[in-house]
Protein backbone atom coordinates (compact mmCIF):
# COMPACT_ATOMS: atom_id res chain seq x y z
CA UNK A 1 -13.31 1.47 -23.42
CA UNK A 2 -10.71 -0.92 -22.92
CA UNK A 3 -9.26 1.64 -20.56
CA UNK A 4 -11.85 1.67 -18.73
CA UNK A 5 -12.57 -1.78 -18.22
CA UNK A 6 -8.94 -1.89 -16.99
CA UNK A 7 -9.03 0.82 -14.12
CA UNK A 8 -12.59 -0.80 -13.29
CA UNK A 9 -11.27 -4.44 -13.41
CA UNK A 10 -8.34 -3.37 -11.10
CA UNK A 11 -10.64 -1.45 -8.52
CA UNK A 12 -14.25 -2.91 -8.80
CA UNK A 13 -12.90 -6.67 -7.04
CA UNK A 14 -11.93 -4.05 -3.90
CA UNK A 15 -15.32 -2.63 -3.45
CA UNK A 16 -17.16 -5.56 -3.92
CA UNK A 17 -15.40 -7.54 -1.05
CA UNK A 18 -15.81 -4.95 0.84
CA UNK A 19 -19.59 -4.62 0.14
CA UNK A 20 -19.90 -8.21 0.87
CA UNK A 21 -18.59 -7.86 4.35
CA UNK A 22 -21.20 -5.04 5.21
CA UNK A 23 -23.82 -7.10 3.57
CA UNK A 24 -22.84 -10.07 5.95
CA UNK A 25 -22.71 -7.84 8.77
CA UNK A 26 -25.70 -6.16 8.28
CA UNK A 27 -27.70 -10.18 8.38
CA UNK A 28 -25.78 -10.83 11.74
CA UNK A 29 -23.73 -12.95 9.92
CA UNK A 30 -20.49 -12.39 12.51
CA UNK A 31 -20.06 -10.59 15.46
CA UNK A 32 -18.24 -7.52 16.52
CA UNK A 33 -15.72 -9.71 18.51
CA UNK A 34 -15.15 -12.47 15.44
CA UNK A 35 -14.56 -8.88 13.87
CA UNK A 36 -11.69 -7.84 16.23
CA UNK A 37 -10.34 -11.35 16.23
CA UNK A 38 -10.29 -11.57 12.68
CA UNK A 39 -8.65 -7.90 12.62
CA UNK A 40 -5.87 -9.22 14.79
CA UNK A 41 -5.58 -12.34 12.59
CA UNK A 42 -5.20 -10.20 9.34
CA UNK A 43 -3.05 -7.26 11.03
CA UNK A 44 -0.61 -9.93 13.25
CA UNK A 45 -0.52 -12.88 10.36
CA UNK A 46 -2.07 -12.31 7.23
CA UNK A 47 -0.85 -8.91 5.78
CA UNK A 48 3.10 -9.94 6.80
CA UNK A 49 2.96 -13.18 5.35
CA UNK A 50 1.42 -11.56 2.29
CA UNK A 51 3.83 -9.12 2.10
CA UNK A 52 7.04 -11.65 2.73
CA UNK A 53 5.71 -13.72 -0.19
CA UNK A 54 5.32 -10.38 -2.62
CA UNK A 55 8.93 -9.40 -1.88
CA UNK A 56 10.85 -12.92 -1.66
CA UNK A 57 9.25 -13.93 -5.00
CA UNK A 58 10.62 -10.93 -7.14
CA UNK A 59 12.56 -12.91 -9.12
CA UNK A 60 14.95 -10.49 -11.48
CA UNK A 61 16.90 -7.27 -9.56
CA UNK A 62 19.32 -7.29 -12.59
CA UNK A 63 16.98 -4.51 -14.36
CA UNK A 64 16.69 -1.85 -11.48
CA UNK A 65 16.73 1.49 -12.85
CA UNK A 66 18.69 2.74 -9.88
CA UNK A 67 17.14 6.35 -10.51
CA UNK A 68 13.36 5.42 -10.80
CA UNK A 69 13.77 3.96 -7.40
CA UNK A 70 15.81 6.55 -6.18
CA UNK A 71 13.46 8.85 -7.27
CA UNK A 72 9.97 7.22 -5.84
CA UNK A 73 11.66 6.71 -2.29
CA UNK A 74 12.61 10.59 -2.31
CA UNK A 75 8.85 11.34 -3.67
CA UNK A 76 7.21 9.18 -0.73
CA UNK A 77 9.61 10.81 1.86
CA UNK A 78 8.44 14.36 0.35
CA UNK A 79 4.92 13.54 0.13
CA UNK A 80 5.28 12.32 4.02
CA UNK A 81 6.64 15.48 4.95
CA UNK A 82 4.33 17.96 3.15
CA UNK A 83 1.07 16.10 3.69
CA UNK A 84 2.57 16.20 7.49
CA UNK A 85 2.36 20.01 7.58
CA UNK A 86 -0.82 20.23 5.24
CA UNK A 87 -2.35 18.18 7.96
CA UNK A 88 -1.31 19.75 10.99
CA UNK A 89 -2.59 22.53 9.40
CA UNK A 90 -6.04 21.09 8.45
CA UNK A 91 -7.01 19.63 11.87
CA UNK A 92 -6.36 19.99 15.90
CA UNK A 93 -7.52 16.38 16.44
CA UNK A 94 -4.50 14.25 17.29
CA UNK A 95 -6.00 11.07 16.19
CA UNK A 96 -7.36 11.85 12.56
CA UNK A 97 -3.68 13.75 12.10
CA UNK A 98 -2.25 10.36 11.75
CA UNK A 99 -4.62 8.72 9.67
CA UNK A 100 -4.90 11.65 7.19
CA UNK A 101 -1.08 12.05 7.06
CA UNK A 102 -1.07 8.52 6.12
CA UNK A 103 -3.71 8.48 3.50
CA UNK A 104 -1.02 10.76 1.72
CA UNK A 105 1.65 8.86 1.24
CA UNK A 106 0.62 4.96 1.69
CA UNK A 107 -1.27 3.55 -1.28
CA UNK A 108 -2.24 0.39 -1.71
CA UNK A 109 0.70 -0.83 -3.60
CA UNK A 110 0.92 -3.99 -1.89
CA UNK A 111 -2.13 -5.33 -2.57
CA UNK A 112 -3.45 -3.96 -5.93
CA UNK A 113 0.21 -2.23 -7.40
CA UNK A 114 1.11 -5.26 -9.40
CA UNK A 115 -2.40 -6.07 -10.89
CA UNK A 116 -2.85 -2.20 -11.75
CA UNK A 117 0.70 -2.14 -13.47
CA UNK A 118 -0.04 -5.20 -15.30
CA UNK A 119 -3.20 -3.96 -16.83
CA UNK A 120 -1.54 -0.96 -17.99
CA UNK A 121 1.53 -1.64 -18.81
CA UNK A 122 1.78 -5.78 -19.30
CA UNK A 123 4.79 -7.75 -18.23
CA UNK A 124 7.41 -5.17 -18.42
CA UNK A 125 5.20 -2.93 -15.84
CA UNK A 126 4.84 -5.42 -13.66
CA UNK A 127 8.95 -6.45 -13.39
CA UNK A 128 9.27 -2.59 -12.74
CA UNK A 129 6.49 -2.73 -9.77
CA UNK A 130 7.92 -5.81 -8.13
CA UNK A 131 11.01 -4.16 -7.76
CA UNK A 132 9.52 -0.89 -6.85
CA UNK A 133 7.69 -3.03 -4.15
CA UNK A 134 10.91 -3.95 -2.25
CA UNK A 135 11.79 -0.61 -1.48
CA UNK A 136 8.30 1.50 -1.05
CA UNK A 137 6.43 -1.45 0.73
CA UNK A 138 9.14 -0.94 3.58
CA UNK A 139 9.02 2.59 3.51
CA UNK A 140 5.58 3.04 3.63
CA UNK A 141 5.13 0.58 6.86
CA UNK A 142 8.25 2.65 8.65
CA UNK A 143 6.26 5.94 7.77
CA UNK A 144 3.01 4.43 9.00
CA UNK A 145 4.40 3.40 12.37
CA UNK A 146 6.01 6.55 12.88
CA UNK A 147 3.14 8.63 12.43
CA UNK A 148 0.58 6.50 14.13
CA UNK A 149 2.92 6.32 16.88
CA UNK A 150 3.34 10.41 17.34
CA UNK A 151 -0.87 11.01 16.63
CA UNK A 152 -1.69 7.94 18.79
CA UNK A 153 -4.60 8.84 21.26
CA UNK A 154 -3.05 5.64 23.29
CA UNK A 155 -1.29 7.06 26.25
CA UNK A 156 -0.40 10.74 27.26
CA UNK A 157 2.47 12.94 25.62
CA UNK A 158 4.52 12.86 22.59
CA UNK A 159 6.28 9.39 22.37
CA UNK A 160 10.26 9.17 22.77
CA UNK A 161 12.21 7.98 19.67
CA UNK A 162 13.12 5.02 21.50
CA UNK A 163 9.20 3.97 21.31
CA UNK A 164 8.90 4.98 17.85
CA UNK A 165 11.89 2.62 17.00
CA UNK A 166 10.39 0.16 19.32
CA UNK A 167 6.99 -0.03 17.50
CA UNK A 168 9.18 -0.37 14.24
CA UNK A 169 10.58 -3.27 14.79
CA UNK A 170 7.83 -5.13 16.82
CA UNK A 171 5.14 -4.11 13.62
CA UNK A 172 4.35 -7.35 12.45
CA UNK A 173 3.93 -5.40 8.32
CA UNK A 174 7.59 -4.67 8.93
CA UNK A 175 8.95 -7.90 10.10
CA UNK A 176 7.43 -9.54 7.54
CA UNK A 177 9.19 -7.66 5.13
CA UNK A 178 12.36 -7.58 6.41
CA UNK A 179 12.70 -11.07 6.65
CA UNK A 180 11.42 -11.57 3.31
CA UNK A 181 14.48 -9.12 2.48
CA UNK A 182 17.07 -11.17 4.29
CA UNK A 183 15.77 -14.25 2.28
CA UNK A 184 16.14 -12.34 -0.81
CA UNK A 185 19.48 -11.37 -0.22
CA UNK A 186 20.58 -14.58 1.03
CA UNK A 187 19.24 -16.34 -2.16
CA UNK A 188 20.88 -13.83 -4.61
CA UNK A 189 24.34 -13.61 -2.31
CA UNK A 190 24.71 -17.26 -1.73
CA UNK A 191 27.21 -18.99 -4.82
CA UNK A 192 25.42 -20.34 -7.74
CA UNK A 193 25.10 -23.46 -9.21
CA UNK A 194 26.35 -25.19 -12.15
CA UNK A 195 23.11 -23.89 -14.08
CA UNK A 196 23.76 -20.40 -13.03
CA UNK A 197 20.88 -20.37 -10.17
CA UNK A 198 21.14 -20.06 -6.32
CA UNK A 199 22.11 -23.55 -4.79
CA UNK A 200 19.22 -23.33 -2.12
CA UNK A 201 16.37 -21.75 -2.31
CA UNK A 202 13.06 -21.84 0.28
CA UNK A 203 10.60 -22.23 -3.01
CA UNK A 204 13.00 -24.97 -4.55
CA UNK A 205 14.47 -26.89 -1.41
CA UNK A 206 11.54 -25.71 1.35
CA UNK A 207 8.69 -26.32 -0.63
CA UNK A 208 6.14 -27.09 2.40
CA UNK A 209 7.40 -23.74 3.74
CA UNK A 210 7.03 -21.75 0.64
CA UNK A 211 3.70 -23.47 0.15
CA UNK A 212 2.78 -22.47 4.05
CA UNK A 213 3.40 -18.98 3.27
CA UNK A 214 1.74 -18.89 0.10
CA UNK A 215 -1.78 -20.41 1.99
CA UNK A 216 -1.66 -17.74 4.53
CA UNK A 217 -0.84 -14.74 2.41
CA UNK A 218 -4.02 -15.72 0.18
CA UNK A 219 -6.38 -14.99 2.74
CA UNK A 220 -4.68 -11.41 3.71
CA UNK A 221 -6.44 -9.59 0.70
CA UNK A 222 -9.75 -10.82 0.94
CA UNK A 223 -10.08 -11.02 4.58
CA UNK A 224 -8.79 -7.94 5.26
CA UNK A 225 -11.66 -6.43 2.64
CA UNK A 226 -14.11 -8.71 4.74
CA UNK A 227 -12.90 -7.09 8.13
CA UNK A 228 -13.22 -3.56 6.33
CA UNK A 229 -16.69 -4.09 4.89
CA UNK A 230 -18.11 -5.29 8.26
CA UNK A 231 -16.54 -2.68 10.12
CA UNK A 232 -17.86 0.05 7.79
CA UNK A 233 -20.67 2.37 8.85
CA UNK A 234 -22.44 4.91 6.42
CA UNK A 235 -23.74 6.95 9.34
CA UNK A 236 -20.32 7.97 10.17
CA UNK A 237 -19.67 9.75 6.76
CA UNK A 238 -21.69 13.07 7.06
CA UNK A 239 -19.93 13.75 10.39
CA UNK A 240 -16.27 12.79 9.03
CA UNK A 241 -17.14 14.33 5.35
CA UNK A 242 -14.68 17.16 5.43
CA UNK A 243 -11.78 14.57 6.34
CA UNK A 244 -12.64 12.06 3.70
CA UNK A 245 -12.72 14.86 0.99
CA UNK A 246 -9.26 15.89 2.19
CA UNK A 247 -7.59 12.95 2.33
CA UNK A 248 -9.52 11.25 -0.93
CA UNK A 249 -8.37 14.56 -2.69
CA UNK A 250 -4.70 13.95 -1.44
CA UNK A 251 -4.03 10.40 -2.24
CA UNK A 252 -5.89 10.41 -5.76
CA UNK A 253 -5.41 13.83 -7.17
CA UNK A 254 -2.64 15.87 -5.29
CA UNK A 255 -0.39 12.98 -4.74
CA UNK A 256 -0.07 11.50 -8.23
CA UNK A 257 -0.31 14.82 -9.93
CA UNK A 258 2.81 15.79 -7.99
CA UNK A 259 4.73 12.65 -8.26
CA UNK A 260 4.07 11.92 -11.86
CA UNK A 261 4.17 15.24 -12.65
CA UNK A 262 7.80 15.83 -11.28
CA UNK A 263 9.14 12.63 -12.78
CA UNK A 264 7.90 13.81 -16.40
CA UNK A 265 9.62 17.41 -15.86
CA UNK A 266 12.88 15.66 -14.56
CA UNK A 267 13.25 13.30 -17.35
CA UNK A 268 12.34 16.08 -19.73
CA UNK A 269 15.63 17.86 -18.18
CA UNK A 270 17.66 14.71 -18.26
CA UNK A 271 17.85 14.55 -14.26
CA UNK A 272 16.33 10.95 -14.51
CA UNK A 273 14.96 8.39 -17.59
CA UNK A 274 11.56 7.41 -16.81
CA UNK A 275 10.32 5.17 -19.43
CA UNK A 276 6.95 4.44 -20.97
CA UNK A 277 7.14 1.01 -19.33
CA UNK A 278 7.89 2.76 -15.79
CA UNK A 279 5.14 4.55 -15.71
CA UNK A 280 2.17 2.19 -15.42
CA UNK A 281 3.76 1.47 -11.72
CA UNK A 282 4.20 5.07 -10.76
CA UNK A 283 0.36 5.35 -11.58
CA UNK A 284 -0.12 1.89 -9.16
CA UNK A 285 2.40 3.49 -6.83
CA UNK A 286 1.14 6.83 -6.65
CA UNK A 287 -2.43 7.04 -7.79
CA UNK A 288 -4.03 3.96 -6.21
CA UNK A 289 -6.30 3.86 -3.43
CA UNK A 290 -5.16 4.09 0.50
CA UNK A 291 -3.83 0.99 1.88
CA UNK A 292 -6.40 -1.54 3.24
CA UNK A 293 -3.79 -2.44 6.09
CA UNK A 294 -3.70 1.12 7.22
CA UNK A 295 -6.97 0.93 8.70
CA UNK A 296 -6.18 -1.70 10.47
CA UNK A 297 -3.13 -0.18 11.57
CA UNK A 298 -4.86 2.93 12.26
CA UNK A 299 -6.66 0.81 14.80
CA UNK A 300 -4.23 -1.32 16.68
CA UNK A 301 -2.18 1.54 17.35
CA UNK A 302 -5.06 3.69 18.66
CA UNK A 303 -6.02 6.74 16.00
CA UNK A 304 -8.78 7.47 14.41
CA UNK A 305 -10.18 3.76 12.92
CA UNK A 306 -13.74 4.57 11.63
CA UNK A 307 -12.06 7.67 9.71
CA UNK A 308 -9.26 5.35 8.40
CA UNK A 309 -11.81 2.80 7.35
CA UNK A 310 -13.88 5.30 5.27
CA UNK A 311 -10.74 6.84 3.41
CA UNK A 312 -10.31 2.81 2.50
CA UNK A 313 -13.55 2.75 0.85
CA UNK A 314 -13.93 5.98 -0.55
CA UNK A 315 -10.59 5.84 -2.32
CA UNK A 316 -11.09 2.84 -3.30
CA UNK A 317 -14.37 3.71 -5.21
CA UNK A 318 -12.98 7.15 -6.51
CA UNK A 319 -9.95 5.68 -7.58
CA UNK A 320 -11.83 4.01 -10.47
CA UNK A 321 -12.41 7.36 -12.03
CA UNK A 322 -8.97 8.82 -10.92
CA UNK A 323 -6.95 5.53 -12.40
CA UNK A 324 -9.47 6.00 -15.74
CA UNK A 325 -8.23 9.47 -16.35
CA UNK A 326 -4.72 9.14 -15.05
CA UNK A 327 -4.39 6.34 -17.89
CA UNK A 328 -6.26 8.72 -20.87
CA UNK A 329 -4.08 11.70 -19.72
CA UNK A 330 -0.67 9.67 -20.10
CA UNK A 331 -1.60 7.51 -23.20
CA UNK A 332 -2.94 10.97 -24.80
CA UNK A 333 0.91 12.50 -23.86
CA UNK A 334 2.65 9.20 -24.98
CA UNK A 335 3.75 8.24 -21.28
CA UNK A 336 2.55 4.79 -21.59
């Protein structure tokens, strides 16, 4: 029962806020024009601020398990390439290809990763998840920009390498993470004071700026979910049922089974050392729903926005069951 409560408490808040957004749209509380503007606000300001805050507030890199970080990075890349190949065979529709490929490798780690990891594994798992977020979130966003640029329905022909690099450099989410990484490394590279702490930090020496970023970041997730609910249409489910089943199966079944199963096998063979404290973070990284920002980014970059929104909703709903079973199976095997 405790396991079910953990899983439900991690995912149900997302569902409830999406439903709030849907209900507000149904009663005419806001217009389509408002949703478009709010979408831009979330994509260009809210989520970049949230990612900056998430990465910059990482406290300790001293306990990094390099093998785990390298494994997770490679696992995400493998999921990207395998998912891309399978999706090319699955559908010929360009905009859907970008959305479905993104769904394969890009989890909601940025928003619910820390919460889910803590619910499963406590404070030790949170520390590991925080470190993994510094590497996985930038990778998720770079791969997403590449994918959505290649399969964008805006313009004609295949984009050049130069245009993809420009898209990556201009993407607000990547800018937020890169700025955070720069500030984070400056904090750790600068000379330490007599107490062993950095001489200058944004949090302590520019609290007004830190608080402003924190305040803006706090609206990112709820506003993104409300906008998502406002744009959601149940009438589209029927025409997209095949794609929804495909994307949901990849995100919540194939990806976590493959990534966590391979980690367990490699640990058994002595190739890497994944501990019981690491697996809760693995569940959050590989087994959580597709990222909320994936729908916003898909819409902004000219891919199939409706399919992307459907996948966020349905992977969030189904993940209540899949996360629960993941926890049960890993506990029964003594992995967590």
